[in-house]
Amino acid sequence: MPQHDQKPPSSVAGLAFILGISSLVISIGDSALSSVLRLPFSWHVPLLSGALALGAIIIGFIGIPHTSARSGRSGRPKAVNGLVMGYVCLGLTLFLYPGIVMPEIMEMQDNAQRTIQEVAITEAMNHCDVTLAEALLNGEEFSCADAQADLSTSGGLTVTIVQNGPNSCLISAIA
């Protein structure tokens, strides 16, 4: 075929193809590396691959008419492939990443609840220690009953303080 009969390639179709490949490589590469190297999850990669996928979809839709017979440009397969890869990557980002992230979110919630419980118990212990110190300084009989009034539901826990002896108490917390 003579050189003057060839259609010039569409840069829009090429851009859709590049965006589609980039989004897939980043999405699949991050998933593979994270599982092999046990890296912590980062929201940056799914956001980047999702943005690239959306770009591939939008530019792919623009690139398909750019490569029609009337426009005189080639590259329709690149525009279609970029569009398809964009949809595949967007599907991976929307459906695969939440499955990876949910266990980590559950673990973060458990850690937060554990921290709240530890703070509530520490508050109860600190209050009981202050009461004990005041009683010892004043030469009075120590009683944990005074501490219980302020701490019955601290941090979502039911904190119970029971007198163990003349100068000691037992603190328990139930979620």
C-alpha atoms as a PDB file:
ATOM      1  CA  MET A   1       0.000   0.000   0.000  1.00  0.00           C
ATOM      2  CA  PRO A   2       1.415   3.405  -0.852  1.00  0.00           C
ATOM      3  CA  GLN A   3       2.424   5.692   2.005  1.00  0.00           C
ATOM      4  CA  HIS A   4      -0.088   8.428   1.128  1.00  0.00           C
ATOM      5  CA  ASP A   5      -3.096   6.048   1.535  1.00  0.00           C
ATOM      6  CA  GLN A   6      -2.400   5.258   5.208  1.00  0.00           C
ATOM      7  CA  LYS A   7      -4.582   6.983   7.777  1.00  0.00           C
ATOM      8  CA  PRO A   8      -2.782   8.879  10.519  1.00  0.00           C
ATOM      9  CA  PRO A   9      -3.188   7.289  13.975  1.00  0.00           C
ATOM     10  CA  SER A  10      -5.576   8.899  16.433  1.00  0.00           C
ATOM     11  CA  SER A  11      -3.740  10.249  19.463  1.00  0.00           C
ATOM     12  CA  VAL A  12      -6.983  10.104  21.480  1.00  0.00           C
ATOM     13  CA  ALA A  13      -7.302   6.356  20.812  1.00  0.00           C
ATOM     14  CA  GLY A  14      -3.658   5.859  21.794  1.00  0.00           C
ATOM     15  CA  LEU A  15      -4.201   7.805  25.020  1.00  0.00           C
ATOM     16  CA  ALA A  16      -7.235   5.645  25.903  1.00  0.00           C
ATOM     17  CA  PHE A  17      -5.118   2.521  25.369  1.00  0.00           C
ATOM     18  CA  ILE A  18      -2.245   3.858  27.506  1.00  0.00           C
ATOM     19  CA  LEU A  19      -4.613   4.879  30.320  1.00  0.00           C
ATOM     20  CA  GLY A  20      -6.325   1.472  30.235  1.00  0.00           C
ATOM     21  CA  ILE A  21      -3.038  -0.442  30.400  1.00  0.00           C
ATOM     22  CA  SER A  22      -1.698   1.833  33.138  1.00  0.00           C
ATOM     23  CA  SER A  23      -4.789   1.394  35.297  1.00  0.00           C
ATOM     24  CA  LEU A  24      -4.676  -2.396  34.954  1.00  0.00           C
ATOM     25  CA  VAL A  25      -0.940  -2.643  35.647  1.00  0.00           C
ATOM     26  CA  ILE A  26      -1.226  -0.465  38.748  1.00  0.00           C
ATOM     27  CA  SER A  27      -4.318  -2.254  40.063  1.00  0.00           C
ATOM     28  CA  ILE A  28      -3.171  -5.838  39.479  1.00  0.00           C
ATOM     29  CA  GLY A  29       0.453  -5.073  40.354  1.00  0.00           C
ATOM     30  CA  ASP A  30      -0.525  -3.513  43.666  1.00  0.00           C
ATOM     31  CA  SER A  31      -2.778  -6.450  44.564  1.00  0.00           C
ATOM     32  CA  ALA A  32      -0.053  -8.956  43.724  1.00  0.00           C
ATOM     33  CA  LEU A  33       2.725  -7.088  45.530  1.00  0.00           C
ATOM     34  CA  SER A  34       0.588  -6.403  48.592  1.00  0.00           C
ATOM     35  CA  SER A  35      -0.332 -10.059  48.992  1.00  0.00           C
ATOM     36  CA  VAL A  36       3.200 -11.371  48.370  1.00  0.00           C
ATOM     37  CA  LEU A  37       5.071  -8.793  50.451  1.00  0.00           C
ATOM     38  CA  ARG A  38       2.320  -8.448  53.096  1.00  0.00           C
ATOM     39  CA  LEU A  39       2.290  -4.681  52.713  1.00  0.00           C
ATOM     40  CA  PRO A  40      -0.326  -2.656  54.581  1.00  0.00           C
ATOM     41  CA  PHE A  41      -3.236  -1.406  52.496  1.00  0.00           C
ATOM     42  CA  SER A  42      -3.031   2.115  51.113  1.00  0.00           C
ATOM     43  CA  TRP A  43      -5.964   3.991  49.579  1.00  0.00           C
ATOM     44  CA  HIS A  44      -3.676   5.836  47.160  1.00  0.00           C
ATOM     45  CA  VAL A  45      -3.290   2.968  44.701  1.00  0.00           C
ATOM     46  CA  PRO A  46      -7.008   2.141  44.215  1.00  0.00           C
ATOM     47  CA  LEU A  47      -7.786   5.836  43.850  1.00  0.00           C
ATOM     48  CA  LEU A  48      -5.051   6.237  41.242  1.00  0.00           C
ATOM     49  CA  SER A  49      -6.030   3.114  39.296  1.00  0.00           C
ATOM     50  CA  GLY A  50      -9.723   4.083  39.507  1.00  0.00           C
ATOM     51  CA  ALA A  51      -8.960   7.575  38.207  1.00  0.00           C
ATOM     52  CA  LEU A  52      -6.892   6.143  35.347  1.00  0.00           C
ATOM     53  CA  ALA A  53      -9.703   3.677  34.567  1.00  0.00           C
ATOM     54  CA  LEU A  54     -12.266   6.478  34.429  1.00  0.00           C
ATOM     55  CA  GLY A  55      -9.915   8.417  32.175  1.00  0.00           C
ATOM     56  CA  ALA A  56      -9.551   5.387  29.886  1.00  0.00           C
ATOM     57  CA  ILE A  57     -13.334   4.986  29.708  1.00  0.00           C
ATOM     58  CA  ILE A  58     -13.994   8.644  28.937  1.00  0.00           C
ATOM     59  CA  ILE A  59     -11.150   8.995  26.437  1.00  0.00           C
ATOM     60  CA  GLY A  60     -12.106   5.626  24.885  1.00  0.00           C
ATOM     61  CA  PHE A  61     -15.637   6.890  24.247  1.00  0.00           C
ATOM     62  CA  ILE A  62     -14.188  10.029  22.694  1.00  0.00           C
ATOM     63  CA  GLY A  63     -11.625   8.018  20.698  1.00  0.00           C
ATOM     64  CA  ILE A  64     -14.084   5.652  19.005  1.00  0.00           C
ATOM     65  CA  PRO A  65     -15.765   8.372  16.898  1.00  0.00           C
ATOM     66  CA  HIS A  66     -12.319   9.898  16.306  1.00  0.00           C
ATOM     67  CA  THR A  67     -11.371   6.735  14.423  1.00  0.00           C
ATOM     68  CA  SER A  68     -14.438   6.481  12.201  1.00  0.00           C
ATOM     69  CA  ALA A  69     -14.144   6.283   8.426  1.00  0.00           C
ATOM     70  CA  ARG A  70     -15.218   9.924   8.083  1.00  0.00           C
ATOM     71  CA  SER A  71     -12.543  11.237  10.432  1.00  0.00           C
ATOM     72  CA  GLY A  72      -9.757   9.681   8.409  1.00  0.00           C
ATOM     73  CA  ARG A  73      -7.807   8.421  11.442  1.00  0.00           C
ATOM     74  CA  SER A  74      -6.798   4.893  12.425  1.00  0.00           C
ATOM     75  CA  GLY A  75      -6.628   3.298  15.869  1.00  0.00           C
ATOM     76  CA  ARG A  76     -10.168   2.141  16.591  1.00  0.00           C
ATOM     77  CA  PRO A  77      -8.930  -1.128  18.235  1.00  0.00           C
ATOM     78  CA  LYS A  78      -6.781   0.917  20.619  1.00  0.00           C
ATOM     79  CA  ALA A  79      -9.766   3.044  21.653  1.00  0.00           C
ATOM     80  CA  VAL A  80     -11.964  -0.026  22.176  1.00  0.00           C
ATOM     81  CA  ASN A  81      -9.231  -1.868  24.111  1.00  0.00           C
ATOM     82  CA  GLY A  82      -8.643   1.191  26.299  1.00  0.00           C
ATOM     83  CA  LEU A  83     -12.374   1.369  26.985  1.00  0.00           C
ATOM     84  CA  VAL A  84     -12.574  -2.346  27.882  1.00  0.00           C
ATOM     85  CA  MET A  85      -9.471  -2.213  30.103  1.00  0.00           C
ATOM     86  CA  GLY A  86     -10.903   0.839  31.841  1.00  0.00           C
ATOM     87  CA  TYR A  87     -14.123  -1.036  32.639  1.00  0.00           C
ATOM     88  CA  VAL A  88     -12.193  -4.108  33.833  1.00  0.00           C
ATOM     89  CA  CYS A  89      -9.977  -2.032  36.103  1.00  0.00           C
ATOM     90  CA  LEU A  90     -12.918  -0.049  37.437  1.00  0.00           C
ATOM     91  CA  GLY A  91     -14.639  -3.346  38.252  1.00  0.00           C
ATOM     92  CA  LEU A  92     -11.517  -4.598  40.039  1.00  0.00           C
ATOM     93  CA  THR A  93     -11.245  -1.362  41.984  1.00  0.00           C
ATOM     94  CA  LEU A  94     -14.897  -1.357  43.044  1.00  0.00           C
ATOM     95  CA  PHE A  95     -15.277  -5.075  43.829  1.00  0.00           C
ATOM     96  CA  LEU A  96     -11.824  -6.482  44.605  1.00  0.00           C
ATOM     97  CA  TYR A  97     -10.412  -3.819  46.917  1.00  0.00           C
ATOM     98  CA  PRO A  98     -13.330  -3.776  49.378  1.00  0.00           C
ATOM     99  CA  GLY A  99     -12.799  -7.520  49.910  1.00  0.00           C
ATOM    100  CA  ILE A 100      -9.152  -6.870  50.699  1.00  0.00           C
ATOM    101  CA  VAL A 101      -9.869  -3.860  52.883  1.00  0.00           C
ATOM    102  CA  MET A 102     -12.787  -5.155  54.984  1.00  0.00           C
ATOM    103  CA  PRO A 103     -10.654  -7.401  57.250  1.00  0.00           C
ATOM    104  CA  GLU A 104      -8.312  -4.479  57.911  1.00  0.00           C
ATOM    105  CA  ILE A 105     -11.230  -2.172  58.716  1.00  0.00           C
ATOM    106  CA  MET A 106     -12.653  -4.775  61.107  1.00  0.00           C
ATOM    107  CA  GLU A 107      -9.260  -5.072  62.807  1.00  0.00           C
ATOM    108  CA  MET A 108      -9.047  -1.280  63.153  1.00  0.00           C
ATOM    109  CA  GLN A 109     -12.517  -1.225  64.742  1.00  0.00           C
ATOM    110  CA  ASP A 110     -11.511  -3.988  67.177  1.00  0.00           C
ATOM    111  CA  ASN A 111      -8.368  -2.062  68.106  1.00  0.00           C
ATOM    112  CA  ALA A 112     -10.391   1.111  68.651  1.00  0.00           C
ATOM    113  CA  GLN A 113     -12.875  -0.734  70.881  1.00  0.00           C
ATOM    114  CA  ARG A 114     -10.010  -2.303  72.836  1.00  0.00           C
ATOM    115  CA  THR A 115      -8.455   1.141  73.312  1.00  0.00           C
ATOM    116  CA  ILE A 116     -11.764   2.555  74.566  1.00  0.00           C
ATOM    117  CA  GLN A 117     -12.023  -0.305  77.055  1.00  0.00           C
ATOM    118  CA  GLU A 118      -8.451   0.197  78.240  1.00  0.00           C
ATOM    119  CA  VAL A 119      -9.063   3.915  78.735  1.00  0.00           C
ATOM    120  CA  ALA A 120     -12.246   3.240  80.715  1.00  0.00           C
ATOM    121  CA  ILE A 121     -10.485   0.747  82.982  1.00  0.00           C
ATOM    122  CA  THR A 122      -7.536   3.117  83.436  1.00  0.00           C
ATOM    123  CA  GLU A 123      -9.915   5.931  84.381  1.00  0.00           C
ATOM    124  CA  ALA A 124     -11.577   3.666  86.926  1.00  0.00           C
ATOM    125  CA  MET A 125      -8.231   2.608  88.369  1.00  0.00           C
ATOM    126  CA  ASN A 126      -6.989   6.190  88.524  1.00  0.00           C
ATOM    127  CA  HIS A 127     -10.155   7.307  90.275  1.00  0.00           C
ATOM    128  CA  CYS A 128      -9.947   4.444  92.751  1.00  0.00           C
ATOM    129  CA  ASP A 129      -6.260   5.222  93.416  1.00  0.00           C
ATOM    130  CA  VAL A 130      -7.102   8.879  94.080  1.00  0.00           C
ATOM    131  CA  THR A 131      -9.845   7.830  96.471  1.00  0.00           C
ATOM    132  CA  LEU A 132      -7.438   5.441  98.231  1.00  0.00           C
ATOM    133  CA  ALA A 133      -4.729   8.096  98.439  1.00  0.00           C
ATOM    134  CA  GLU A 134      -7.170  10.640  99.873  1.00  0.00           C
ATOM    135  CA  ALA A 135      -8.435   8.136 102.430  1.00  0.00           C
ATOM    136  CA  LEU A 136      -4.912   7.205 103.516  1.00  0.00           C
ATOM    137  CA  LEU A 137      -3.836  10.863 103.772  1.00  0.00           C
ATOM    138  CA  ASN A 138      -6.896  11.769 105.810  1.00  0.00           C
ATOM    139  CA  GLY A 139      -6.647   8.650 107.973  1.00  0.00           C
ATOM    140  CA  GLU A 140     -10.120   7.549 106.900  1.00  0.00           C
ATOM    141  CA  GLU A 141     -11.567   4.149 106.054  1.00  0.00           C
ATOM    142  CA  PHE A 142     -11.195   3.466 102.310  1.00  0.00           C
ATOM    143  CA  SER A 143     -14.321   2.654 100.287  1.00  0.00           C
ATOM    144  CA  CYS A 144     -14.606   2.045  96.533  1.00  0.00           C
ATOM    145  CA  ALA A 145     -18.316   2.902  96.593  1.00  0.00           C
ATOM    146  CA  ASP A 146     -17.515   6.595  96.013  1.00  0.00           C
ATOM    147  CA  ALA A 147     -15.588   5.791  92.829  1.00  0.00           C
ATOM    148  CA  GLN A 148     -18.369   3.665  91.333  1.00  0.00           C
ATOM    149  CA  ALA A 149     -20.845   6.531  91.070  1.00  0.00           C
ATOM    150  CA  ASP A 150     -18.823   8.339  88.387  1.00  0.00           C
ATOM    151  CA  LEU A 151     -17.735   5.276  86.390  1.00  0.00           C
ATOM    152  CA  SER A 152     -20.808   3.097  85.946  1.00  0.00           C
ATOM    153  CA  THR A 153     -20.823   3.509  82.131  1.00  0.00           C
ATOM    154  CA  SER A 154     -17.451   4.917  81.150  1.00  0.00           C
ATOM    155  CA  GLY A 155     -16.552   4.548  77.461  1.00  0.00           C
ATOM    156  CA  GLY A 156     -19.486   2.233  76.687  1.00  0.00           C
ATOM    157  CA  LEU A 157     -18.460  -0.189  79.452  1.00  0.00           C
ATOM    158  CA  THR A 158     -20.100  -1.044  82.709  1.00  0.00           C
ATOM    159  CA  VAL A 159     -17.307  -0.579  85.220  1.00  0.00           C
ATOM    160  CA  THR A 160     -17.785  -2.241  88.586  1.00  0.00           C
ATOM    161  CA  ILE A 161     -15.633  -1.467  91.584  1.00  0.00           C
ATOM    162  CA  VAL A 162     -15.901  -3.886  94.511  1.00  0.00           C
ATOM    163  CA  GLN A 163     -14.300  -3.504  97.933  1.00  0.00           C
ATOM    164  CA  ASN A 164     -11.789  -6.349  98.377  1.00  0.00           C
ATOM    165  CA  GLY A 165     -10.448  -5.464 101.775  1.00  0.00           C
ATOM    166  CA  PRO A 166      -9.924  -2.464 104.025  1.00  0.00           C
ATOM    167  CA  ASN A 167      -7.502  -0.795 101.570  1.00  0.00           C
ATOM    168  CA  SER A 168      -8.059  -2.483  98.196  1.00  0.00           C
ATOM    169  CA  CYS A 169     -10.691  -2.810  95.511  1.00  0.00           C
ATOM    170  CA  LEU A 170     -11.393  -4.957  92.462  1.00  0.00           C
ATOM    171  CA  ILE A 171     -12.215  -3.180  89.191  1.00  0.00           C
ATOM    172  CA  SER A 172     -13.999  -5.069  86.407  1.00  0.00           C
ATOM    173  CA  ALA A 173     -15.347  -3.832  83.090  1.00  0.00           C
ATOM    174  CA  ILE A 174     -18.008  -5.454  80.925  1.00  0.00           C
ATOM    175  CA  ALA A 175     -18.757  -4.306  77.388  1.00  0.00           C
END
